[in-house]
Amino acid sequence: MCHEKSFSSIPDQQEFIRRYQKCILALKEISKQRRSVEKRLEQAKQEKRKTEIQAKLMQEDKKWLEQQEREMEAEKQRKLEEKKAKEEAERVLAQEREREAEIQRELAAQNRMCACF
């Protein structure tokens, strides 16, 4: 009607109105479906973001736990080394005491020998 100059009236107005209303309903349905698809797309994007955030948080938690494990292992190693050093110091001290006792015994034996003469 708009494009043809010679067209001035609608022959079957009732049919035109019926088709017009049908087109309007179809366009509304298409629009509704499009909004529904867009809404599902937005929800999917949000879920993807949540999943990415959760994965990132889990990765950070994993790194933190690994760091804690390394620190605990280092602390265990340090304590073990301290224990070994303490045991070694005690062993050396015991050896020194034994040497001192041996020297004391030798001195006592020499003193007894000197006392006899």
Protein backbone atom coordinates (compact mmCIF):
# COMPACT_ATOMS: atom_id res chain seq x y z
CA MET A 1 0.00 0.00 0.00
CA CYS A 2 2.76 2.42 0.84
CA HIS A 3 4.86 1.59 -2.19
CA GLU A 4 2.24 1.68 -4.88
CA LYS A 5 0.67 5.00 -5.82
CA SER A 6 -2.28 3.39 -7.52
CA PHE A 7 -3.25 1.40 -4.44
CA SER A 8 -5.86 3.38 -2.54
CA SER A 9 -7.99 0.90 -0.61
CA ILE A 10 -7.83 -2.54 0.94
CA PRO A 11 -10.16 -4.93 -0.88
CA ASP A 12 -10.85 -7.26 2.09
CA GLN A 13 -10.32 -5.22 5.24
CA GLN A 14 -11.35 -8.02 7.60
CA GLU A 15 -8.80 -10.41 6.08
CA PHE A 16 -6.17 -7.66 6.19
CA ILE A 17 -6.90 -6.99 9.88
CA ARG A 18 -6.83 -10.71 10.65
CA ARG A 19 -3.46 -11.12 8.90
CA TYR A 20 -2.16 -7.94 10.56
CA GLN A 21 -3.11 -9.23 14.00
CA LYS A 22 -1.60 -12.61 13.17
CA CYS A 23 1.66 -10.90 12.14
CA ILE A 24 1.68 -8.83 15.33
CA LEU A 25 1.19 -11.99 17.42
CA ALA A 26 3.96 -13.76 15.49
CA LEU A 27 6.31 -10.78 15.98
CA LYS A 28 5.49 -10.72 19.71
CA GLU A 29 6.21 -14.45 19.93
CA ILE A 30 9.50 -13.99 18.08
CA SER A 31 10.38 -11.14 20.41
CA LYS A 32 9.45 -13.24 23.45
CA GLN A 33 11.55 -16.14 22.20
CA ARG A 34 14.44 -13.81 21.49
CA ARG A 35 14.27 -12.36 25.00
CA SER A 36 14.13 -15.91 26.37
CA VAL A 37 17.21 -16.91 24.34
CA GLU A 38 19.04 -13.74 25.42
CA LYS A 39 18.13 -14.44 29.04
CA ARG A 40 19.42 -18.03 28.78
CA LEU A 41 22.57 -16.73 27.10
CA GLU A 42 23.12 -14.23 29.93
CA GLN A 43 22.53 -16.98 32.51
CA ALA A 44 25.02 -19.21 30.68
CA LYS A 45 27.58 -16.39 30.68
CA GLN A 46 27.03 -15.83 34.40
CA GLU A 47 27.41 -19.55 35.08
CA LYS A 48 30.58 -19.59 33.01
CA ARG A 49 31.93 -16.63 35.00
CA LYS A 50 31.02 -18.36 38.27
CA THR A 51 32.75 -21.54 37.10
CA GLU A 52 35.84 -19.57 36.07
CA ILE A 53 35.88 -17.76 39.41
CA GLN A 54 35.46 -21.04 41.29
CA ALA A 55 38.25 -22.62 39.25
CA LYS A 56 40.48 -19.63 39.97
CA LEU A 57 39.67 -19.79 43.68
CA MET A 58 40.33 -23.52 43.72
CA GLN A 59 43.67 -22.93 41.99
CA GLU A 60 44.56 -20.27 44.58
CA ASP A 61 43.51 -22.63 47.38
CA LYS A 62 45.63 -25.39 45.83
CA LYS A 63 48.64 -23.07 45.66
CA TRP A 64 48.08 -22.01 49.27
CA LEU A 65 47.83 -25.63 50.42
CA GLU A 66 50.97 -26.55 48.49
CA GLN A 67 52.78 -23.61 50.11
CA GLN A 68 51.58 -24.74 53.55
CA GLU A 69 52.78 -28.28 52.83
CA ARG A 70 56.20 -26.97 51.72
CA GLU A 71 56.47 -24.84 54.84
CA MET A 72 55.46 -27.76 57.07
CA GLU A 73 57.97 -30.03 55.33
CA ALA A 74 60.69 -27.39 55.72
CA GLU A 75 59.81 -27.05 59.42
CA LYS A 76 59.99 -30.84 59.86
CA GLN A 77 63.35 -30.87 58.08
CA ARG A 78 64.64 -28.02 60.24
CA LYS A 79 63.53 -29.78 63.45
CA LEU A 80 65.09 -33.03 62.26
CA GLU A 81 68.36 -31.24 61.53
CA GLU A 82 68.22 -29.54 64.94
CA LYS A 83 67.62 -32.92 66.60
CA LYS A 84 70.54 -34.47 64.71
CA ALA A 85 72.78 -31.52 65.63
CA LYS A 86 71.73 -31.82 69.28
CA GLU A 87 72.39 -35.58 69.27
CA GLU A 88 75.77 -34.98 67.63
CA ALA A 89 76.61 -32.31 70.23
CA GLU A 90 75.57 -34.69 73.02
CA ARG A 91 77.68 -37.47 71.47
CA VAL A 92 80.70 -35.17 71.22
CA LEU A 93 80.14 -34.01 74.81
CA ALA A 94 79.90 -37.62 75.99
CA GLN A 95 83.15 -38.43 74.16
CA GLU A 96 84.84 -35.43 75.77
CA ARG A 97 83.61 -36.52 79.20
CA GLU A 98 84.88 -40.03 78.51
CA ARG A 99 88.28 -38.61 77.51
CA GLU A 100 88.36 -36.47 80.63
CA ALA A 101 87.48 -39.51 82.74
CA GLU A 102 90.24 -41.50 81.00
CA ILE A 103 92.72 -38.70 81.64
CA GLN A 104 91.63 -38.57 85.29
CA ARG A 105 92.11 -42.32 85.58
CA GLU A 106 95.55 -42.09 84.00
CA LEU A 107 96.50 -39.22 86.34
CA ALA A 108 95.22 -41.15 89.31
CA ALA A 109 97.22 -44.18 88.20
CA GLN A 110 100.34 -42.05 87.79
CA ASN A 111 99.77 -40.48 91.20
CA ARG A 112 99.50 -43.94 92.76
CA MET A 113 102.69 -44.97 91.09
CA CYS A 114 104.43 -41.82 92.35
CA ALA A 115 103.12 -42.35 95.85
CA CYS A 116 104.65 -45.83 95.93
CA PHE A 117 108.18 -44.59 95.33
